């Protein structure tokens, strides 16, 4: 794997976690 692949995976994982967290917190209200 290249650094580009690693960076993309990290960015996608971070974005997914952020969206999931935002969805969960909004759902609880």
Protein backbone atom coordinates (compact mmCIF):
# COMPACT_ATOMS: atom_id res chain seq x y z
CA UNK A 1 0.00 0.00 0.00
CA UNK A 2 1.14 3.51 -0.77
CA UNK A 3 0.92 6.56 1.45
CA UNK A 4 -1.91 7.85 -0.73
CA UNK A 5 -3.96 4.71 -0.08
CA UNK A 6 -3.32 4.95 3.65
CA UNK A 7 -4.25 8.64 3.79
CA UNK A 8 -7.43 8.01 1.81
CA UNK A 9 -8.42 5.15 4.12
CA UNK A 10 -7.85 7.34 7.18
CA UNK A 11 -9.85 10.21 5.67
CA UNK A 12 -12.75 7.92 4.74
CA UNK A 13 -12.73 6.28 8.18
CA UNK A 14 -12.67 9.67 9.92
CA UNK A 15 -15.50 10.98 7.74
CA UNK A 16 -17.58 7.86 8.36
CA UNK A 17 -17.02 8.07 12.12
CA UNK A 18 -18.00 11.74 12.13
CA UNK A 19 -21.19 11.11 10.18
CA UNK A 20 -22.07 8.14 12.41
CA UNK A 21 -21.46 10.20 15.58
CA UNK A 22 -23.53 13.09 14.24
CA UNK A 23 -26.37 10.70 13.34
CA UNK A 24 -26.34 9.06 16.78
CA UNK A 25 -26.28 12.34 18.71
CA UNK A 26 -29.06 13.82 16.57
CA UNK A 27 -31.14 10.65 17.01
CA UNK A 28 -30.95 10.84 20.81
CA UNK A 29 -32.35 14.36 21.06
